Protein backbone atom coordinates (compact mmCIF):
# COMPACT_ATOMS: atom_id res chain seq x y z
CA MET A 1 49.26 33.42 43.31
CA GLY A 2 52.10 35.36 42.08
CA LYS A 3 55.16 36.45 44.22
CA VAL A 4 55.03 39.28 46.48
CA VAL A 5 56.47 42.43 45.09
CA GLU A 6 58.41 45.55 47.01
CA LYS A 7 58.55 49.05 45.41
CA SER A 8 62.57 49.74 44.70
CA VAL A 9 64.08 52.90 43.08
CA THR A 10 66.35 51.27 40.51
CA LYS A 11 67.81 54.48 39.72
CA LYS A 12 67.83 58.54 38.92
CA ILE A 13 66.96 60.53 35.58
CA GLU A 14 67.01 63.83 35.24
CA GLY A 15 66.73 64.32 39.47
CA GLU A 16 63.46 61.81 39.25
CA CYS A 17 63.38 58.64 40.75
CA ILE A 18 62.70 55.43 38.60
CA ILE A 19 60.60 53.01 40.90
CA GLU A 20 60.05 49.44 40.29
CA LEU A 21 56.02 49.22 41.04
CA PRO A 22 53.70 46.34 40.93
CA ILE A 23 51.35 46.48 37.93
CA THR A 24 48.25 45.73 39.98
CA GLU A 25 49.20 49.22 41.80
CA LEU A 26 48.61 51.09 38.51
CA TYR A 27 45.62 52.20 37.24
CA PRO A 28 44.69 54.06 33.75
CA PRO A 29 43.67 57.72 33.58
CA GLU A 30 40.07 58.59 34.10
CA TYR A 31 40.52 60.12 30.91
CA HIS A 32 42.16 58.01 28.17
CA PRO A 33 41.04 58.34 24.43
CA PHE A 34 43.78 56.05 23.75
CA GLN A 35 42.75 51.94 22.71
CA ILE A 36 44.52 49.62 24.00
CA ASN A 37 44.30 46.43 21.71
CA ASP A 38 45.68 42.94 21.97
CA ASP A 39 46.50 42.95 18.56
CA THR A 40 49.80 42.26 16.50
CA ALA A 41 51.89 45.10 17.65
CA MET A 42 50.88 44.60 20.87
CA ASP A 43 52.32 40.72 20.95
CA ARG A 44 55.48 42.29 19.42
CA LEU A 45 56.10 44.59 22.39
CA VAL A 46 55.62 41.91 24.80
CA LYS A 47 58.36 39.54 22.92
CA SER A 48 60.49 42.33 23.29
CA ILE A 49 59.91 43.11 26.96
CA LYS A 50 59.89 39.35 27.64
CA GLN A 51 63.59 39.52 26.02
CA TYR A 52 64.78 42.87 27.01
CA GLY A 53 62.44 43.83 29.81
CA VAL A 54 60.57 47.63 29.83
CA ARG A 55 62.99 49.73 28.56
CA GLU A 56 61.15 53.04 29.04
CA PRO A 57 59.73 54.10 32.24
CA GLY A 58 56.30 54.67 32.62
CA LEU A 59 54.92 58.14 34.33
CA ALA A 60 52.41 58.20 37.38
CA ARG A 61 51.53 59.89 40.32
CA THR A 62 49.86 58.66 43.41
CA ARG A 63 46.06 58.21 43.55
CA PRO A 64 43.93 59.36 46.91
CA ASP A 65 42.47 56.22 46.80
CA GLY A 66 45.40 54.07 46.73
CA GLY A 67 47.60 53.13 44.39
CA TYR A 68 49.18 54.92 41.02
CA GLU A 69 47.29 56.85 37.89
CA LEU A 70 49.43 55.83 35.01
CA LEU A 71 49.26 58.46 32.88
CA VAL A 72 51.96 57.55 30.28
CA GLY A 73 52.82 53.47 29.67
CA ASN A 74 49.35 51.55 29.95
CA ARG A 75 50.42 49.68 26.68
CA ARG A 76 53.57 48.60 28.38
CA ARG A 77 51.51 47.28 31.29
CA ARG A 78 49.22 45.64 29.68
CA ALA A 79 51.95 43.93 27.79
CA CYS A 80 53.63 42.96 31.03
CA GLU A 81 50.70 41.26 32.52
CA LEU A 82 50.37 39.47 28.78
CA ALA A 83 53.78 38.52 29.61
CA GLU A 84 53.52 37.37 33.50
CA ILE A 85 56.18 40.01 34.56
CA LEU A 86 54.65 41.78 38.25
CA THR A 87 56.33 45.17 37.58
CA MET A 88 57.49 47.34 35.72
CA PRO A 89 59.99 50.94 36.43
CA ILE A 90 57.54 54.34 37.07
CA ILE A 91 58.56 57.63 37.03
CA ILE A 92 56.57 59.07 40.08
CA ARG A 93 55.29 62.86 39.62
CA VAL A 94 53.60 65.60 41.19
CA LEU A 95 51.30 66.87 38.48
CA ASP A 96 47.61 68.77 39.31
CA ASP A 97 44.87 67.57 37.21
CA ASP A 98 45.65 69.75 34.35
CA ASN A 99 49.56 69.00 33.68
CA ALA A 100 48.72 64.94 34.32
CA VAL A 101 45.76 65.16 30.84
CA LEU A 102 48.36 67.20 29.38
CA ALA A 103 51.43 64.90 29.99
CA MET A 104 49.47 62.35 29.06
CA ILE A 105 47.87 63.23 25.79
CA ASP A 106 51.27 64.52 24.23
CA SER A 107 53.20 61.44 25.02
CA ASN A 108 50.73 59.48 23.01
CA LEU A 109 50.62 62.06 20.26
CA GLU A 110 54.36 62.15 20.60
CA GLN A 111 54.92 58.39 20.64
CA ARG A 112 52.60 56.45 18.97
CA GLU A 113 53.34 56.13 15.22
CA VAL A 114 49.24 55.60 14.00
CA LEU A 115 46.56 56.85 15.93
CA LEU A 116 42.60 55.96 14.77
CA PRO A 117 40.64 59.03 13.79
CA SER A 118 38.89 58.58 16.77
CA GLU A 119 41.96 58.53 19.12
CA ARG A 120 43.68 61.80 17.39
CA ALA A 121 40.08 63.48 17.74
CA TRP A 122 39.63 63.10 21.43
CA ALA A 123 42.89 63.84 22.34
CA TYR A 124 42.72 67.39 20.52
CA ARG A 125 39.72 67.97 21.89
CA ILE A 126 40.76 66.89 25.70
CA LYS A 127 43.86 69.03 24.95
CA MET A 128 42.44 72.37 23.92
CA GLU A 129 39.98 72.00 26.89
CA THR A 130 42.67 71.28 29.56
CA LEU A 131 44.96 74.29 27.96
CA ASN A 132 41.88 76.44 27.97
CA HIS A 133 41.31 75.47 31.44
CA LYS A 134 44.68 76.23 32.42
CA GLY A 135 44.24 79.69 31.01
CA VAL A 136 45.10 79.86 27.28
CA LYS A 137 42.74 82.35 25.79
CA GLY A 138 40.43 80.59 23.26
CA ASP A 139 40.33 77.33 21.20
CA LYS A 140 42.23 79.71 18.57
CA GLN A 141 44.97 79.81 20.44
CA SER A 142 44.75 76.43 21.83
CA ALA A 143 44.23 75.43 17.91
CA GLU A 144 47.80 76.99 17.69
CA ILE A 145 49.99 75.43 20.24
CA ILE A 146 48.52 71.81 18.94
CA THR A 147 49.22 72.74 15.38
CA GLU A 148 52.96 73.37 15.96
CA GLN A 149 53.32 70.04 18.10
CA THR A 150 51.62 68.32 15.68
CA GLY A 151 51.34 69.74 11.77
CA ASP A 152 48.25 69.52 11.43
CA SER A 153 46.86 72.71 10.31
CA ARG A 154 44.30 74.72 12.12
CA ASN A 155 41.18 73.57 10.25
CA GLN A 156 42.06 69.81 9.87
CA ILE A 157 42.43 70.11 13.90
CA PHE A 158 38.63 72.00 14.43
CA ARG A 159 37.05 68.81 11.64
CA LEU A 160 38.95 66.53 13.41
CA ILE A 161 37.40 67.60 16.81
CA ARG A 162 34.17 67.35 15.02
CA LEU A 163 34.32 63.68 14.91
CA THR A 164 33.80 63.66 19.22
CA ASP A 165 29.93 64.99 18.06
CA LEU A 166 29.28 61.70 16.83
CA ILE A 167 27.51 58.76 17.76
CA ILE A 168 29.66 55.49 18.78
CA GLY A 169 28.31 53.50 15.59
CA LEU A 170 29.37 55.96 13.34
CA LEU A 171 33.03 57.08 15.10
CA ASP A 172 33.54 53.10 14.88
CA LYS A 173 32.89 53.28 11.15
CA VAL A 174 35.33 56.14 10.63
CA ASP A 175 37.91 54.24 12.42
CA ARG A 176 37.53 51.29 10.43
CA LYS A 177 37.45 53.31 7.17
CA GLN A 178 34.04 52.59 6.38
CA LEU A 179 32.76 56.24 6.67
CA ALA A 180 34.65 58.42 4.90
CA PHE A 181 35.88 61.17 6.94
CA ASN A 182 34.16 64.67 4.99
CA PRO A 183 30.97 63.22 5.45
CA ALA A 184 31.41 62.09 8.86
CA VAL A 185 32.13 65.59 9.46
CA GLU A 186 29.07 66.65 8.28
CA LEU A 187 27.23 64.17 10.08
CA SER A 188 28.53 65.64 13.23
CA TYR A 189 26.75 68.87 12.68
CA ILE A 190 23.35 66.94 13.27
CA SER A 191 22.17 66.03 16.29
CA GLN A 192 23.18 62.26 18.17
CA ALA A 193 19.45 61.45 18.59
CA GLU A 194 18.39 62.40 15.06
CA GLN A 195 22.29 60.60 13.66
CA ALA A 196 20.85 57.59 15.79
CA ILE A 197 17.31 57.45 14.18
CA ARG A 198 18.88 57.81 10.50
CA ILE A 199 21.39 55.66 11.36
CA LYS A 200 18.62 52.70 12.05
CA LYS A 201 16.50 53.41 9.42
CA SER A 202 19.64 53.27 6.86
CA LYS A 203 20.64 49.58 8.51
CA GLN A 204 17.18 48.40 8.20
CA ALA A 205 17.11 49.27 4.41
CA GLY A 206 20.76 48.15 3.86
CA GLU A 207 24.38 48.64 4.11
CA LEU A 208 25.36 52.51 5.45
CA THR A 209 26.48 53.69 2.26
CA SER A 210 27.58 57.05 0.56
CA ASP A 211 23.74 57.31 -1.13
CA THR A 212 22.59 57.14 2.12
CA ILE A 213 24.37 59.30 4.24
CA GLU A 214 23.74 62.13 1.44
CA MET A 215 20.35 61.63 2.05
CA ILE A 216 20.57 61.75 5.43
CA LEU A 217 22.23 65.05 5.27
CA SER A 218 20.03 66.42 2.93
CA GLU A 219 16.96 65.28 4.85
CA THR A 220 18.53 67.05 8.18
CA LYS A 221 20.02 70.29 6.82
CA LYS A 222 17.63 73.45 7.59
CA PRO A 223 17.71 76.39 5.65
CA THR A 224 20.29 78.52 5.80
CA THR A 225 20.55 82.81 5.08
CA PRO A 226 21.51 83.28 1.87
CA ARG A 227 24.73 83.16 1.07
CA LYS A 228 25.55 86.76 0.21
CA GLU A 229 23.94 87.89 2.97
CA ALA A 230 26.16 85.54 5.63
CA ASP A 231 29.37 86.80 4.32
CA LYS A 232 28.68 89.84 5.22
CA TYR A 233 28.72 88.94 8.72
CA LYS A 234 31.85 86.27 8.50
CA LYS A 235 34.80 88.98 8.94
CA PHE A 236 33.30 89.51 12.89
CA PHE A 237 33.68 85.62 13.80
CA PRO A 238 36.42 82.89 14.07
CA ALA A 239 37.29 81.44 10.73
CA GLU A 240 35.75 78.17 12.36
CA TYR A 241 32.66 79.15 13.33
CA SER A 242 29.46 77.89 11.72
CA GLN A 243 26.60 79.28 10.61
CA LYS A 244 24.52 78.19 13.05
CA GLN A 245 27.25 79.60 15.58
CA MET A 246 27.24 82.86 13.87
CA ASP A 247 23.62 83.12 13.83
CA ASP A 248 23.33 81.91 17.51
CA VAL A 249 25.73 85.08 18.30
CA ILE A 250 23.54 87.39 16.17
CA VAL A 251 20.59 86.36 17.78
CA LYS A 252 21.99 86.94 21.20
CA LEU A 253 23.17 90.10 20.74
CA LEU A 254 19.74 91.41 18.95
CA THR A 255 17.72 90.29 21.89
CA ALA A 256 20.15 92.19 24.60
CA TRP A 257 19.86 95.31 22.22
CA LYS A 258 15.96 95.05 22.30
CA LEU A 259 16.57 94.72 26.18
CA GLU A 260 18.15 97.76 26.38
CA LYS A 261 16.43 99.80 24.22
CA SER A 262 12.89 99.08 26.20
CA ALA A 263 14.83 99.70 29.15
């Protein structure tokens, strides 16, 4: 049994206290799109912590059920666990749900040198939804904020977010570079139920190849408005809108107009 560890204030930084907390009192956030793997990078972190200790404090907030929600520093916590170190330095901050999510996302986007496509996709989606909830007006403005932070173009941000509509098996293939980015984005427009059915059939026939992906896409694409007609309406919609999104809006407007005329 490990020895009992008491909380203690180690130092202050920019007016905030850094407290040495038992790692058993630190819990991961409810929404955490970043993977924590026991890989070679983790081995290096464990060795570093054994030699030098945890050099950068984590960030946490108190939990209603007790303990602390560890917003920043979950890889460090896992490294401490593997190194059999019982505590780590933590900054405790009072944060509402939106600011807690943003602190977690922003820190990982800024500090992690390498992110998997799935990690970046979910980080962008969660950040965009949180910014919108905080009052940022629309996905377009939220995307501009993410562009300023990351350097990714607005179009790339929306295309990455599309990956979150893939079933887990396909998203894993994107991470493992078994499925290229562009076909993955195209597949995301197919319903997840349809994705699962088609992928199951392709697995039965053999490996998922570019040819089978192209076949899936060609079989599931629906007829669209001729391009010349569709182009007439593009100027009225955000650049990221798909043809289906434009069609849905037009149908809603025409339905409302018809009801108004009937009244």
